[in-house]
N, C-alpha and C. Protein backbone atom coordinates (compact mmCIF):
# COMPACT_ATOMS: atom_id res chain seq x y z
N UNK A 1 37.47 136.62 112.27
CA UNK A 1 38.63 136.88 111.43
C UNK A 1 38.21 136.76 109.97
N UNK A 2 38.22 137.86 109.31
CA UNK A 2 37.82 137.91 107.91
C UNK A 2 39.06 137.89 107.03
N UNK A 3 39.07 137.03 106.01
CA UNK A 3 40.23 136.95 105.12
C UNK A 3 39.95 137.74 103.86
N UNK A 4 40.73 138.78 103.66
CA UNK A 4 40.61 139.54 102.43
C UNK A 4 41.68 139.04 101.44
N UNK A 5 41.72 139.60 100.25
CA UNK A 5 42.61 139.13 99.20
C UNK A 5 44.08 139.32 99.58
N UNK A 6 44.38 140.37 100.33
CA UNK A 6 45.76 140.60 100.77
C UNK A 6 46.25 139.51 101.70
N UNK A 7 45.39 139.06 102.60
CA UNK A 7 45.75 137.99 103.53
C UNK A 7 45.97 136.69 102.77
N UNK A 8 45.14 136.39 101.79
CA UNK A 8 45.27 135.17 101.00
C UNK A 8 46.57 135.20 100.20
N UNK A 9 46.88 136.35 99.61
CA UNK A 9 48.14 136.48 98.85
C UNK A 9 49.35 136.35 99.78
N UNK A 10 49.26 136.91 100.96
CA UNK A 10 50.35 136.81 101.92
C UNK A 10 50.59 135.37 102.35
N UNK A 11 49.50 134.64 102.61
CA UNK A 11 49.63 133.23 102.99
C UNK A 11 50.19 132.39 101.83
N UNK A 12 49.77 132.72 100.62
CA UNK A 12 50.31 132.03 99.44
C UNK A 12 51.80 132.28 99.29
N UNK A 13 52.21 133.51 99.49
CA UNK A 13 53.64 133.85 99.41
C UNK A 13 54.42 133.12 100.49
N UNK A 14 53.88 133.07 101.70
CA UNK A 14 54.53 132.37 102.80
C UNK A 14 54.67 130.88 102.48
N UNK A 15 53.64 130.28 101.93
CA UNK A 15 53.67 128.86 101.57
C UNK A 15 54.74 128.59 100.52
N UNK A 16 54.82 129.42 99.49
CA UNK A 16 55.82 129.24 98.44
C UNK A 16 57.22 129.44 99.00
N UNK A 17 57.40 130.40 99.90
CA UNK A 17 58.71 130.65 100.50
C UNK A 17 59.15 129.45 101.34
N UNK A 18 58.24 128.86 102.11
CA UNK A 18 58.57 127.68 102.91
C UNK A 18 58.94 126.51 102.00
N UNK A 19 58.19 126.33 100.91
CA UNK A 19 58.50 125.25 99.97
C UNK A 19 59.87 125.47 99.33
N UNK A 20 60.20 126.70 98.98
CA UNK A 20 61.49 127.01 98.37
C UNK A 20 62.64 126.73 99.34
N UNK A 21 62.48 127.14 100.58
CA UNK A 21 63.53 126.90 101.58
C UNK A 21 63.69 125.40 101.83
N UNK A 22 62.58 124.68 101.94
CA UNK A 22 62.66 123.23 102.13
C UNK A 22 63.33 122.53 100.98
N UNK A 23 62.98 122.89 99.76
CA UNK A 23 63.59 122.29 98.58
C UNK A 23 65.08 122.63 98.51
N UNK A 24 65.44 123.85 98.84
CA UNK A 24 66.85 124.24 98.83
C UNK A 24 67.64 123.44 99.85
N UNK A 25 67.10 123.25 101.04
CA UNK A 25 67.79 122.45 102.05
C UNK A 25 67.93 121.00 101.61
N UNK A 26 66.93 120.47 100.94
CA UNK A 26 66.98 119.09 100.46
C UNK A 26 68.05 118.94 99.37
N UNK A 27 68.10 119.89 98.44
CA UNK A 27 69.04 119.80 97.32
C UNK A 27 70.48 119.95 97.79
N UNK A 28 70.73 120.87 98.70
CA UNK A 28 72.10 121.15 99.12
C UNK A 28 72.52 120.35 100.35
N UNK A 29 71.78 119.31 100.69
CA UNK A 29 72.12 118.45 101.80
C UNK A 29 73.32 117.58 101.41
N UNK A 30 74.33 117.50 102.25
CA UNK A 30 75.55 116.73 101.95
C UNK A 30 75.26 115.25 101.76
N UNK A 31 74.24 114.72 102.40
CA UNK A 31 73.94 113.30 102.26
C UNK A 31 73.45 112.95 100.86
N UNK A 32 73.03 113.92 100.08
CA UNK A 32 72.52 113.67 98.73
C UNK A 32 73.61 113.78 97.66
N UNK A 33 74.85 114.10 98.04
CA UNK A 33 75.91 114.30 97.06
C UNK A 33 76.13 113.08 96.17
N UNK A 34 76.14 111.89 96.75
CA UNK A 34 76.39 110.69 95.94
C UNK A 34 75.27 110.48 94.92
N UNK A 35 74.02 110.66 95.34
CA UNK A 35 72.89 110.48 94.42
C UNK A 35 72.96 111.47 93.26
N UNK A 36 73.26 112.72 93.58
CA UNK A 36 73.32 113.73 92.53
C UNK A 36 74.55 113.55 91.64
N UNK A 37 75.65 113.03 92.18
CA UNK A 37 76.83 112.75 91.36
C UNK A 37 76.51 111.67 90.33
N UNK A 38 75.78 110.64 90.75
CA UNK A 38 75.37 109.59 89.81
C UNK A 38 74.40 110.15 88.77
N UNK A 39 73.45 110.94 89.19
CA UNK A 39 72.46 111.49 88.27
C UNK A 39 73.11 112.45 87.27
N UNK A 40 74.15 113.14 87.71
CA UNK A 40 74.83 114.10 86.83
C UNK A 40 75.51 113.37 85.66
N UNK A 41 75.91 112.11 85.85
CA UNK A 41 76.60 111.36 84.81
C UNK A 41 75.67 110.53 83.93
N UNK A 42 74.38 110.47 84.24
CA UNK A 42 73.45 109.64 83.47
C UNK A 42 73.43 109.94 81.97
N UNK A 43 73.52 111.19 81.50
CA UNK A 43 73.49 111.40 80.05
C UNK A 43 74.67 110.78 79.32
N UNK A 44 75.75 110.46 80.04
CA UNK A 44 76.94 109.93 79.40
C UNK A 44 77.02 108.41 79.45
N UNK A 45 76.06 107.77 80.07
CA UNK A 45 76.06 106.31 80.18
C UNK A 45 75.58 105.73 78.85
N UNK A 46 76.33 104.75 78.33
CA UNK A 46 75.93 104.10 77.08
C UNK A 46 74.72 103.23 77.31
N UNK A 47 74.07 102.89 76.20
CA UNK A 47 72.97 101.93 76.29
C UNK A 47 73.52 100.60 76.78
N UNK A 48 72.62 99.74 77.18
CA UNK A 48 73.06 98.44 77.67
C UNK A 48 73.90 97.73 76.60
N UNK A 49 74.97 97.12 77.04
CA UNK A 49 75.82 96.36 76.14
C UNK A 49 75.20 94.99 75.88
N UNK A 50 75.39 94.45 74.67
CA UNK A 50 74.84 93.12 74.38
C UNK A 50 75.61 92.06 75.17
N UNK A 51 75.03 90.87 75.33
CA UNK A 51 75.74 89.79 76.03
C UNK A 51 77.05 89.47 75.32
N UNK A 52 78.00 88.93 76.03
CA UNK A 52 79.32 88.62 75.46
C UNK A 52 79.16 87.68 74.26
N UNK A 53 79.89 87.98 73.20
CA UNK A 53 79.86 87.14 72.01
C UNK A 53 78.82 87.56 70.99
N UNK A 54 77.97 88.52 71.30
CA UNK A 54 76.96 88.99 70.34
C UNK A 54 77.27 90.42 69.94
N UNK A 55 77.02 90.71 68.67
CA UNK A 55 77.18 92.07 68.19
C UNK A 55 75.86 92.81 68.36
N UNK A 56 75.90 94.12 68.51
CA UNK A 56 74.65 94.88 68.52
C UNK A 56 73.94 94.73 67.18
N UNK A 57 72.63 94.82 67.15
CA UNK A 57 71.85 94.63 65.94
C UNK A 57 72.27 95.58 64.84
N UNK A 58 72.65 96.79 65.14
CA UNK A 58 73.02 97.77 64.14
C UNK A 58 74.33 97.40 63.46
N UNK A 59 75.15 96.57 64.08
CA UNK A 59 76.45 96.24 63.53
C UNK A 59 76.45 94.90 62.80
N UNK A 60 75.37 94.18 62.85
CA UNK A 60 75.30 92.88 62.18
C UNK A 60 75.22 93.06 60.66
N UNK A 61 75.82 92.19 59.97
CA UNK A 61 75.77 92.22 58.51
C UNK A 61 74.50 91.49 58.05
N UNK A 62 73.85 92.01 57.04
CA UNK A 62 72.68 91.35 56.49
C UNK A 62 73.08 90.42 55.33
N UNK A 63 74.31 90.48 54.92
CA UNK A 63 74.79 89.59 53.85
C UNK A 63 75.04 88.20 54.39
N UNK A 64 74.90 87.22 53.48
CA UNK A 64 75.20 85.84 53.89
C UNK A 64 76.07 85.17 52.89
């Protein structure tokens, strides 16, 4: 069995198609909805809040 360039390209295309189908099934799996819902909101999460009773460093006054 001799592999020419057409066979190699065909196998490469088949490999990419299998990877695409697998990734699509993983992304659209119903069990992943909660994980993706949390990830979708990450840009809107504020930075960590300071401990109670302390102001953030940017809001502290430098005057005394």
